[in-house]
Amino acid sequence: MHSIQKTISPVDGSVTVERPLSTAAEVDAVVDFARRAKTDWKHVPLEERAACCRRFVANMLAIKEEIGKELAWQMGRPIRYGFREVERMAERAETMIGIAGEALAPIALEPLPGFTRFIERVPLGVVFAIVPWNYPYLTAVNAVIPAIMAGNVVLLKHSPQTPLCAERLAQAFDAAGLPPGVFQYLHMSVEETQRVLRSPEIDFVSFTGSVATGRAVQQATQERFIGVGLELGGKDAAYVRADADLAHAAENVIDGAFFNSGQSCCAIERVYVHADVYDAFVAQAVEVTRGYVLGDPLEPETTLGPLVHTAAATFVRGQIWEAIGQGARALIDESAFPASQINTPYLAPQILVDVDHSMRVMHEESFGPVVGIMKVASDEEAVRLMNDSLFGLTASVWTKDTDAALALGEKVEVGTWFMNRCDYLDPELAWTGVKQSGRGCSLSRLGYEQLTRPKSFHLRTTL
């Protein structure tokens, strides 16, 4: 008998999707099908893989408006933004398709008389991808497209909050003519997920999610000699230097903090501002924040939707109230956002000042629409505070001085360093983190390395 997975919509608390969870026998059948499919798929020419993936992209773009509505119901993103995730997903996919030829090409060695020597990149086999709800298509494509392009087959476990996303991906691949078994998904329990992680048929695991769940994934696979890519949490910082364009910095830092209701691993969660421009920056940041419209994500004027569920909003409120109790000041009047209500997922954006690193809101991942702003006296102080974190995914500096930005970037412990932008992922650059932000590398040419293994050929041609 199947257990039923229910997805509760943050829009109104209704059940928006119900799906049966796969039984152990069904899970085993899917895993076995993937094992058999990998044998043929790895021999399909790269050009055919690329053509199939491009048809998949076109199929997804054709339904982007429908997907935007589904995202609003499943995870609360305003409908005015939903379709953009599909467009960005398409851009990432096209980039990874386009660079696959170079990334997967054999490595030629210096000629050696009487010998032919080279190194191939060969697929691992079955890639098990576990992806979250906050950017359900972008996080999925990071693993799915390069894995398939590299000759692997993919088994996807999507978040129970966004089950329709897995189904949409499968439909688009089916319509693109992808052979059966190359891409499959499962709606399954935690127990069945752990069993798949321990399965000898799984050759690589790609996980995006929380630090706690990342640890559980690592523990489930620790007895096997397979690769595990982990993209985990973030507490990303921004530093506004004295020479920054304040209007540009305020608009973009606040967007980086509050887009998707702050539910992004690379959202800005803490800001350090040089004393010379601190007051001016804070004033402009407050003005930008007051322009947001919190409400029903299905309404076109809404720019800030609910958090994914009430518990998430309650957690962020707890951080805010605790910080205020420790001396922080809240600059945004919550009453200006009437939709913000206790015991609902709807939470007003908040800017906190007079904060310090003893407060949870400045060192614990928030994953919601709150940001703390601290005054600093120098670049050195900003670097020290930016590095004072368990996380290291991205960070940004806002300045007109490129040389200073480069010098600071060498000192800040993160996977990606930005100047005058934030909360962005360039698929031609390696996406990686340090400390508790994860392990491994996705996207870019380097991202193909964890999805393949080197195989050396040493041929003696003259006897």
Protein backbone atom coordinates (compact mmCIF):
# COMPACT_ATOMS: atom_id res chain seq x y z
CA MET A 1 0.00 0.00 0.00
CA HIS A 2 1.31 3.43 -0.94
CA SER A 3 1.80 6.26 1.54
CA ILE A 4 0.60 9.63 0.26
CA GLN A 5 2.86 12.67 0.03
CA LYS A 6 0.95 15.93 0.43
CA THR A 7 2.31 19.31 -0.63
CA ILE A 8 0.87 22.18 1.42
CA SER A 9 0.77 25.46 -0.50
CA PRO A 10 2.17 28.51 1.31
CA VAL A 11 -0.37 30.62 -0.59
CA ASP A 12 -3.38 29.55 1.45
CA GLY A 13 -2.47 26.41 3.37
CA SER A 14 -4.34 24.11 1.01
CA VAL A 15 -3.09 20.76 -0.28
CA THR A 16 -1.91 21.64 -3.77
CA VAL A 17 -0.38 18.29 -4.82
CA GLU A 18 -0.82 14.71 -3.65
CA ARG A 19 1.41 11.90 -4.85
CA PRO A 20 1.87 8.27 -3.78
CA LEU A 21 5.31 7.51 -2.43
CA SER A 22 7.10 4.71 -4.24
CA THR A 23 7.26 1.33 -2.55
CA ALA A 24 10.56 -0.44 -1.98
CA ALA A 25 9.85 -2.71 -4.95
CA GLU A 26 9.12 0.25 -7.21
CA VAL A 27 12.30 2.00 -6.10
CA ASP A 28 14.35 -1.12 -6.79
CA ALA A 29 12.83 -1.43 -10.26
CA VAL A 30 13.70 2.17 -11.14
CA VAL A 31 17.27 1.80 -9.87
CA ASP A 32 17.70 -1.43 -11.84
CA PHE A 33 16.31 0.22 -14.98
CA ALA A 34 18.88 3.00 -14.58
CA ARG A 35 21.65 0.42 -14.19
CA ARG A 36 20.68 -1.21 -17.47
CA ALA A 37 20.17 2.08 -19.32
CA LYS A 38 23.66 3.40 -18.51
CA THR A 39 25.32 0.73 -20.67
CA ASP A 40 23.79 1.99 -23.91
CA TRP A 41 23.64 5.71 -23.13
CA LYS A 42 27.38 6.09 -22.54
CA HIS A 43 27.99 4.97 -26.14
CA VAL A 44 25.60 7.52 -27.68
CA PRO A 45 27.64 10.16 -29.55
CA LEU A 46 27.99 13.51 -27.81
CA GLU A 47 26.25 15.28 -30.69
CA GLU A 48 23.14 13.13 -30.20
CA ARG A 49 23.14 13.76 -26.46
CA ALA A 50 23.39 17.50 -27.13
CA ALA A 51 20.54 17.46 -29.65
CA CYS A 52 18.29 15.63 -27.21
CA CYS A 53 19.14 18.03 -24.38
CA ARG A 54 18.46 21.04 -26.58
CA ARG A 55 15.04 19.65 -27.49
CA PHE A 56 14.42 19.24 -23.77
CA VAL A 57 15.29 22.92 -23.20
CA ALA A 58 12.91 24.01 -25.96
CA ASN A 59 10.14 21.89 -24.44
CA MET A 60 10.63 23.52 -21.05
CA LEU A 61 10.60 27.03 -22.47
CA ALA A 62 7.33 26.28 -24.25
CA ILE A 63 5.56 25.80 -20.89
CA LYS A 64 7.35 28.41 -18.80
CA GLU A 65 4.18 30.39 -18.03
CA GLU A 66 2.41 27.28 -16.73
CA ILE A 67 5.45 26.43 -14.66
CA GLY A 68 5.42 29.94 -13.15
CA LYS A 69 1.89 29.35 -11.84
CA GLU A 70 2.83 25.95 -10.46
CA LEU A 71 5.81 27.44 -8.63
CA ALA A 72 3.61 30.08 -7.01
CA TRP A 73 1.31 27.40 -5.60
CA GLN A 74 4.08 24.99 -4.59
CA MET A 75 6.66 27.31 -3.00
CA GLY A 76 5.21 30.82 -3.03
CA ARG A 77 7.30 32.72 -5.56
CA PRO A 78 5.39 35.65 -7.11
CA ILE A 79 3.97 34.75 -10.49
CA ARG A 80 5.64 37.76 -12.07
CA TYR A 81 9.01 36.06 -11.52
CA GLY A 82 8.24 32.36 -11.86
CA PHE A 83 8.83 31.96 -15.58
CA ARG A 84 12.25 33.58 -15.27
CA GLU A 85 13.60 30.54 -13.49
CA VAL A 86 12.85 28.45 -16.57
CA GLU A 87 14.63 31.01 -18.76
CA ARG A 88 17.68 30.98 -16.51
CA MET A 89 17.56 27.20 -16.41
CA ALA A 90 17.63 27.21 -20.21
CA GLU A 91 20.66 29.53 -20.21
CA ARG A 92 22.55 27.25 -17.82
CA ALA A 93 21.62 24.17 -19.80
CA GLU A 94 22.72 25.71 -23.10
CA THR A 95 26.02 26.75 -21.55
CA MET A 96 26.74 23.28 -20.22
CA ILE A 97 25.72 21.69 -23.53
CA GLY A 98 27.94 24.10 -25.44
CA ILE A 99 31.08 23.51 -23.37
CA ALA A 100 30.69 19.73 -23.11
CA GLY A 101 32.76 19.01 -26.19
CA GLU A 102 35.81 20.76 -24.82
CA ALA A 103 35.27 19.61 -21.23
CA LEU A 104 34.89 15.96 -22.21
CA ALA A 105 37.50 15.85 -24.96
CA PRO A 106 40.39 13.39 -24.51
CA ILE A 107 43.54 14.92 -23.08
CA ALA A 108 46.37 14.51 -25.56
CA LEU A 109 49.91 14.12 -24.21
CA GLU A 110 53.25 15.07 -25.67
CA PRO A 111 54.19 12.67 -28.52
CA LEU A 112 56.41 9.77 -27.48
CA PRO A 113 57.99 7.73 -30.30
CA GLY A 114 56.42 4.30 -30.53
CA PHE A 115 53.54 5.08 -28.22
CA THR A 116 50.06 6.58 -28.32
CA ARG A 117 48.97 8.00 -25.00
CA PHE A 118 45.85 9.90 -23.98
CA ILE A 119 43.35 10.31 -21.15
CA GLU A 120 39.62 9.98 -21.69
CA ARG A 121 36.82 11.30 -19.50
CA VAL A 122 34.35 8.45 -19.08
CA PRO A 123 30.94 8.58 -17.37
CA LEU A 124 30.49 7.30 -13.84
CA GLY A 125 27.19 5.55 -14.44
CA VAL A 126 24.12 6.32 -12.32
CA VAL A 127 23.94 9.83 -10.84
CA PHE A 128 21.50 10.27 -7.95
CA ALA A 129 20.48 13.93 -7.69
CA ILE A 130 18.65 15.25 -4.63
CA VAL A 131 17.44 18.81 -5.18
CA PRO A 132 15.55 21.41 -3.10
CA TRP A 133 12.41 23.47 -3.51
CA ASN A 134 13.75 27.03 -3.41
CA TYR A 135 15.09 27.06 -7.00
CA PRO A 136 13.70 23.71 -8.09
CA TYR A 137 14.63 23.92 -11.76
CA LEU A 138 17.95 25.76 -11.49
CA THR A 139 19.33 23.42 -8.85
CA ALA A 140 18.12 20.40 -10.81
CA VAL A 141 19.66 21.47 -14.11
CA ASN A 142 23.04 22.04 -12.43
CA ALA A 143 23.33 18.28 -12.03
CA VAL A 144 20.98 16.79 -14.60
CA ILE A 145 22.18 18.32 -17.88
CA PRO A 146 25.95 17.91 -17.35
CA ALA A 147 25.40 14.38 -16.04
CA ILE A 148 23.42 13.35 -19.10
CA MET A 149 25.80 15.18 -21.46
CA ALA A 150 28.71 13.29 -19.87
CA GLY A 151 27.04 9.96 -20.65
CA ASN A 152 25.57 9.23 -17.25
CA VAL A 153 21.98 8.35 -16.44
CA VAL A 154 20.11 10.30 -13.77
CA LEU A 155 17.78 9.38 -10.94
CA LEU A 156 16.14 12.49 -9.45
CA LYS A 157 14.67 12.89 -5.99
CA HIS A 158 12.93 16.25 -5.83
CA SER A 159 11.73 18.03 -2.73
CA PRO A 160 8.25 17.00 -1.55
CA GLN A 161 7.42 20.71 -1.66
CA THR A 162 7.91 20.83 -5.46
CA PRO A 163 7.01 17.40 -6.84
CA LEU A 164 5.56 18.78 -10.07
CA CYS A 165 9.01 20.00 -11.08
CA ALA A 166 10.37 16.45 -11.33
CA GLU A 167 7.37 15.49 -13.42
CA ARG A 168 7.77 18.47 -15.74
CA LEU A 169 11.42 17.60 -16.33
CA ALA A 170 10.54 14.00 -17.12
CA GLN A 171 7.78 15.04 -19.54
CA ALA A 172 10.13 17.41 -21.36
CA PHE A 173 12.82 14.73 -21.68
CA ASP A 174 10.30 12.15 -22.90
CA ALA A 175 9.05 14.57 -25.56
CA ALA A 176 12.67 15.26 -26.54
CA GLY A 177 13.21 11.59 -27.33
CA LEU A 178 15.56 10.77 -24.46
CA PRO A 179 15.82 6.97 -24.27
CA PRO A 180 13.88 5.31 -21.44
CA GLY A 181 15.83 4.95 -18.24
CA VAL A 182 18.27 7.79 -18.88
CA PHE A 183 16.27 10.24 -16.74
CA GLN A 184 13.93 8.98 -14.05
CA TYR A 185 12.47 10.48 -10.88
CA LEU A 186 11.02 9.08 -7.69
CA HIS A 187 8.71 10.48 -5.04
CA MET A 188 9.95 8.57 -2.02
CA SER A 189 10.30 8.61 1.73
CA VAL A 190 13.38 9.53 3.72
CA GLU A 191 13.94 5.86 4.49
CA GLU A 192 13.82 4.87 0.82
CA THR A 193 16.09 7.79 -0.08
CA GLN A 194 18.67 6.58 2.42
CA ARG A 195 18.41 3.08 0.98
CA VAL A 196 19.08 4.41 -2.53
CA LEU A 197 22.09 6.34 -1.20
CA ARG A 198 23.52 3.05 0.06
CA SER A 199 22.70 1.14 -3.12
CA PRO A 200 25.67 -0.37 -4.95
CA GLU A 201 24.07 0.73 -8.24
CA ILE A 202 24.56 4.44 -7.45
CA ASP A 203 27.85 5.84 -8.76
CA PHE A 204 27.64 9.51 -7.73
CA VAL A 205 25.41 11.65 -5.50
CA SER A 206 24.66 15.31 -6.12
CA PHE A 207 22.95 16.95 -3.16
CA THR A 208 21.74 20.54 -2.70
CA GLY A 209 20.17 21.47 0.62
CA SER A 210 20.82 22.09 4.28
CA VAL A 211 23.98 21.35 6.20
CA ALA A 212 22.15 18.89 8.46
CA THR A 213 20.78 16.88 5.54
CA GLY A 214 24.13 17.07 3.79
CA ARG A 215 25.70 15.38 6.79
CA ALA A 216 23.05 12.66 6.62
CA VAL A 217 23.80 12.13 2.91
CA GLN A 218 27.51 11.90 3.66
CA GLN A 219 26.92 9.38 6.44
CA ALA A 220 24.68 7.23 4.24
CA THR A 221 27.39 6.97 1.58
CA GLN A 222 30.48 6.80 3.79
CA GLU A 223 30.98 3.04 3.39
CA ARG A 224 31.09 3.30 -0.41
CA PHE A 225 33.89 4.66 -2.61
CA ILE A 226 31.75 7.09 -4.61
CA GLY A 227 31.84 10.81 -5.11
CA VAL A 228 29.38 13.07 -3.31
CA GLY A 229 28.86 16.69 -4.37
CA LEU A 230 27.39 18.83 -1.59
CA GLU A 231 26.01 22.34 -2.05
CA LEU A 232 24.87 23.37 1.39
CA GLY A 233 24.09 26.56 3.27
CA GLY A 234 25.26 30.13 3.13
CA LYS A 235 25.45 33.29 5.18
CA ASP A 236 26.64 35.47 2.34
CA ALA A 237 28.12 38.88 3.02
CA ALA A 238 28.34 42.18 1.16
CA TYR A 239 30.81 44.98 1.82
CA VAL A 240 29.97 48.51 0.71
CA ARG A 241 33.16 50.55 0.45
CA ALA A 242 33.33 54.31 0.84
CA ASP A 243 33.70 54.79 -2.93
CA ALA A 244 30.65 52.70 -3.86
CA ASP A 245 27.82 53.92 -6.07
CA LEU A 246 25.32 53.93 -3.22
CA ALA A 247 22.15 53.92 -5.30
CA HIS A 248 23.34 50.93 -7.30
CA ALA A 249 24.60 49.16 -4.18
CA ALA A 250 21.43 49.71 -2.15
CA GLU A 251 19.10 48.53 -4.91
CA ASN A 252 21.11 45.42 -5.72
CA VAL A 253 22.11 44.41 -2.20
CA ILE A 254 18.49 44.62 -1.06
CA ASP A 255 17.37 42.66 -4.11
CA GLY A 256 20.04 40.08 -3.29
CA ALA A 257 18.70 39.88 0.26
CA PHE A 258 14.97 39.75 -0.40
CA PHE A 259 14.42 38.18 -3.83
CA ASN A 260 12.61 34.85 -3.47
CA SER A 261 11.81 36.04 0.07
CA GLY A 262 15.49 35.58 0.92
CA GLN A 263 15.23 31.84 0.29
CA SER A 264 18.47 31.37 -1.60
CA CYS A 265 21.72 29.76 -0.52
CA CYS A 266 23.58 32.75 -1.99
CA ALA A 267 21.22 35.48 -0.73
CA ILE A 268 22.82 38.43 1.04
CA GLU A 269 22.25 37.91 4.77
CA ARG A 270 24.74 40.35 6.29
CA VAL A 271 26.08 43.70 5.08
CA TYR A 272 29.15 45.64 6.21
CA VAL A 273 29.26 49.32 5.27
CA HIS A 274 32.15 51.75 5.57
CA ALA A 275 31.51 54.38 8.24
CA ASP A 276 31.86 57.23 5.71
CA VAL A 277 28.76 56.11 3.80
CA TYR A 278 26.94 54.04 6.41
CA ASP A 279 24.07 56.42 7.16
CA ALA A 280 23.45 57.22 3.50
CA PHE A 281 23.49 53.56 2.49
CA VAL A 282 21.14 52.51 5.28
CA ALA A 283 18.68 55.26 4.36
CA GLN A 284 18.64 54.17 0.72
CA ALA A 285 18.34 50.49 1.66
CA VAL A 286 15.30 51.27 3.81
CA GLU A 287 13.74 53.24 0.97
CA VAL A 288 14.22 50.35 -1.46
CA THR A 289 12.75 47.88 1.02
CA ARG A 290 9.63 49.98 1.56
CA GLY A 291 8.89 49.63 -2.14
CA TYR A 292 8.25 45.86 -1.90
CA VAL A 293 4.70 44.53 -2.08
CA LEU A 294 4.09 41.51 0.16
CA GLY A 295 1.06 39.43 -0.70
CA ASP A 296 -0.58 36.68 -2.70
CA PRO A 297 2.04 35.45 -5.19
CA LEU A 298 -0.70 34.88 -7.77
CA GLU A 299 -1.36 38.64 -7.93
CA PRO A 300 0.74 40.43 -10.59
CA GLU A 301 1.64 43.37 -8.33
CA THR A 302 3.18 41.16 -5.64
CA THR A 303 6.97 41.37 -5.47
CA LEU A 304 7.46 39.47 -2.18
CA GLY A 305 5.65 36.20 -1.62
CA PRO A 306 5.25 34.02 1.46
CA LEU A 307 7.99 31.85 2.82
CA VAL A 308 7.69 28.18 1.97
CA HIS A 309 5.83 27.36 5.18
CA THR A 310 4.84 28.87 8.50
CA ALA A 311 7.68 27.20 10.41
CA ALA A 312 10.23 28.98 8.19
CA ALA A 313 8.63 32.36 8.89
CA THR A 314 8.46 31.60 12.61
CA PHE A 315 12.18 30.74 12.61
CA VAL A 316 13.11 34.06 10.97
CA ARG A 317 10.81 36.00 13.31
CA GLY A 318 12.59 34.33 16.21
CA GLN A 319 15.97 35.52 14.93
CA ILE A 320 14.62 39.07 14.53
CA TRP A 321 12.97 39.25 17.95
CA GLU A 322 15.99 37.74 19.67
CA ALA A 323 18.32 40.28 18.01
CA ILE A 324 16.06 43.16 19.05
CA GLY A 325 16.12 41.81 22.59
CA GLN A 326 19.94 41.92 22.43
CA GLY A 327 20.02 45.57 21.32
CA ALA A 328 19.40 45.55 17.57
CA ARG A 329 17.04 48.07 16.00
CA ALA A 330 14.45 47.16 13.35
CA LEU A 331 14.12 49.84 10.67
CA ILE A 332 11.09 48.49 8.81
CA ASP A 333 7.63 48.97 10.30
CA GLU A 334 5.92 45.62 9.83
CA SER A 335 2.52 47.33 9.82
CA ALA A 336 3.45 48.81 6.43
CA PHE A 337 3.09 45.25 5.10
CA PRO A 338 -0.46 44.28 6.12
CA ALA A 339 -0.14 40.77 4.70
CA SER A 340 2.55 39.99 7.29
CA GLN A 341 0.87 37.97 10.01
CA ILE A 342 2.14 35.81 12.86
CA ASN A 343 1.50 32.09 12.43
CA THR A 344 1.42 32.37 8.64
CA PRO A 345 4.17 32.09 6.00
CA TYR A 346 3.76 35.79 5.17
CA LEU A 347 6.61 37.80 6.70
CA ALA A 348 7.55 41.44 6.10
CA PRO A 349 11.11 42.20 5.00
CA GLN A 350 13.30 43.53 7.78
CA ILE A 351 16.55 45.50 8.09
CA LEU A 352 18.36 45.33 11.42
CA VAL A 353 21.09 47.72 12.56
CA ASP A 354 23.13 47.88 15.77
CA VAL A 355 23.82 44.19 15.22
CA ASP A 356 26.95 42.19 15.99
CA HIS A 357 28.23 38.67 15.54
CA SER A 358 26.97 37.52 18.93
CA MET A 359 23.46 37.58 17.45
CA ARG A 360 22.10 34.52 15.62
CA VAL A 361 20.84 36.68 12.79
CA MET A 362 24.45 37.52 11.92
CA HIS A 363 25.94 34.02 12.01
CA GLU A 364 23.10 31.49 11.60
CA GLU A 365 21.56 30.98 8.17
CA SER A 366 18.20 32.79 8.03
CA PHE A 367 16.79 31.77 4.65
CA GLY A 368 14.25 34.55 4.87
CA PRO A 369 13.70 38.28 4.25
CA VAL A 370 15.96 39.75 6.94
CA VAL A 371 19.38 41.36 6.69
CA GLY A 372 21.67 42.85 9.32
CA ILE A 373 23.85 45.88 8.54
CA MET A 374 27.04 46.69 10.47
CA LYS A 375 29.30 49.75 10.31
CA VAL A 376 33.01 49.12 9.70
CA ALA A 377 36.01 51.43 9.80
CA SER A 378 38.24 49.81 7.17
CA ASP A 379 38.68 47.17 4.51
CA GLU A 380 40.57 45.05 7.02
CA GLU A 381 37.69 45.07 9.48
CA ALA A 382 35.25 44.16 6.70
CA VAL A 383 37.40 41.18 5.62
CA ARG A 384 37.72 39.96 9.20
CA LEU A 385 33.97 40.05 9.72
CA MET A 386 33.18 38.50 6.35
CA ASN A 387 35.45 35.58 7.18
CA ASP A 388 33.97 35.22 10.67
CA SER A 389 31.45 32.64 9.49
CA LEU A 390 30.95 28.89 9.31
CA PHE A 391 29.92 29.37 5.68
CA GLY A 392 31.71 30.44 2.52
CA LEU A 393 29.57 30.31 -0.61
CA THR A 394 29.68 33.83 -2.11
CA ALA A 395 30.47 37.36 -1.04
CA SER A 396 30.47 40.73 -2.77
CA VAL A 397 32.17 44.10 -2.66
CA TRP A 398 30.63 47.33 -3.89
CA THR A 399 33.27 49.75 -5.12
CA LYS A 400 34.58 51.67 -8.11
CA ASP A 401 38.12 50.36 -7.50
CA THR A 402 38.73 47.11 -9.41
CA ASP A 403 42.23 46.67 -7.98
CA ALA A 404 40.88 46.96 -4.45
CA ALA A 405 38.11 44.48 -5.26
CA LEU A 406 40.64 41.95 -6.54
CA ALA A 407 42.89 42.40 -3.53
CA LEU A 408 39.99 41.94 -1.11
CA GLY A 409 38.74 38.94 -3.03
CA GLU A 410 42.03 37.16 -2.46
CA LYS A 411 41.47 37.45 1.29
CA VAL A 412 37.79 36.53 1.62
CA GLU A 413 37.12 32.80 2.10
CA VAL A 414 34.36 32.01 -0.39
CA GLY A 415 33.74 30.03 -3.56
CA THR A 416 32.65 33.04 -5.63
CA TRP A 417 33.67 36.68 -5.18
CA PHE A 418 31.57 39.40 -6.81
CA MET A 419 32.17 43.06 -7.52
CA ASN A 420 29.09 45.28 -7.88
CA ARG A 421 26.69 42.34 -8.16
CA CYS A 422 25.48 39.49 -5.98
CA ASP A 423 23.11 36.52 -5.75
CA TYR A 424 24.00 35.36 -9.25
CA LEU A 425 25.38 32.19 -10.76
CA ASP A 426 27.38 32.39 -14.00
CA PRO A 427 27.31 28.86 -15.50
CA GLU A 428 30.72 29.38 -17.12
CA LEU A 429 32.26 29.83 -13.67
CA ALA A 430 32.78 27.04 -11.16
CA TRP A 431 30.03 26.91 -8.52
CA THR A 432 31.59 25.81 -5.28
CA GLY A 433 31.76 26.65 -1.60
CA VAL A 434 34.13 26.36 1.33
CA LYS A 435 33.64 25.47 4.99
CA GLN A 436 30.03 24.42 5.68
CA SER A 437 28.83 25.71 2.32
CA GLY A 438 29.76 22.40 0.79
CA ARG A 439 32.21 20.33 -1.18
CA GLY A 440 32.78 19.71 -4.85
CA CYS A 441 32.19 21.80 -7.93
CA SER A 442 29.31 22.08 -10.37
CA LEU A 443 28.89 23.97 -13.64
CA SER A 444 31.69 25.35 -15.82
CA ARG A 445 34.16 23.03 -17.56
CA LEU A 446 35.37 21.96 -14.13
CA GLY A 447 31.90 20.74 -13.21
CA TYR A 448 32.25 17.88 -15.66
CA GLU A 449 35.20 16.49 -13.71
CA GLN A 450 33.13 15.22 -10.77
CA LEU A 451 30.66 13.56 -13.16
CA THR A 452 33.32 11.57 -15.01
CA ARG A 453 36.47 9.65 -14.19
CA PRO A 454 39.78 9.71 -16.04
CA LYS A 455 40.74 6.63 -17.99
CA SER A 456 44.29 6.41 -19.31
CA PHE A 457 45.32 4.73 -22.59
CA HIS A 458 48.94 3.70 -23.07
CA LEU A 459 49.39 2.02 -26.44
CA ARG A 460 52.78 0.72 -27.58
CA THR A 461 52.61 1.01 -31.35
CA THR A 462 56.18 0.00 -32.28
CA LEU A 463 57.66 -3.39 -31.29
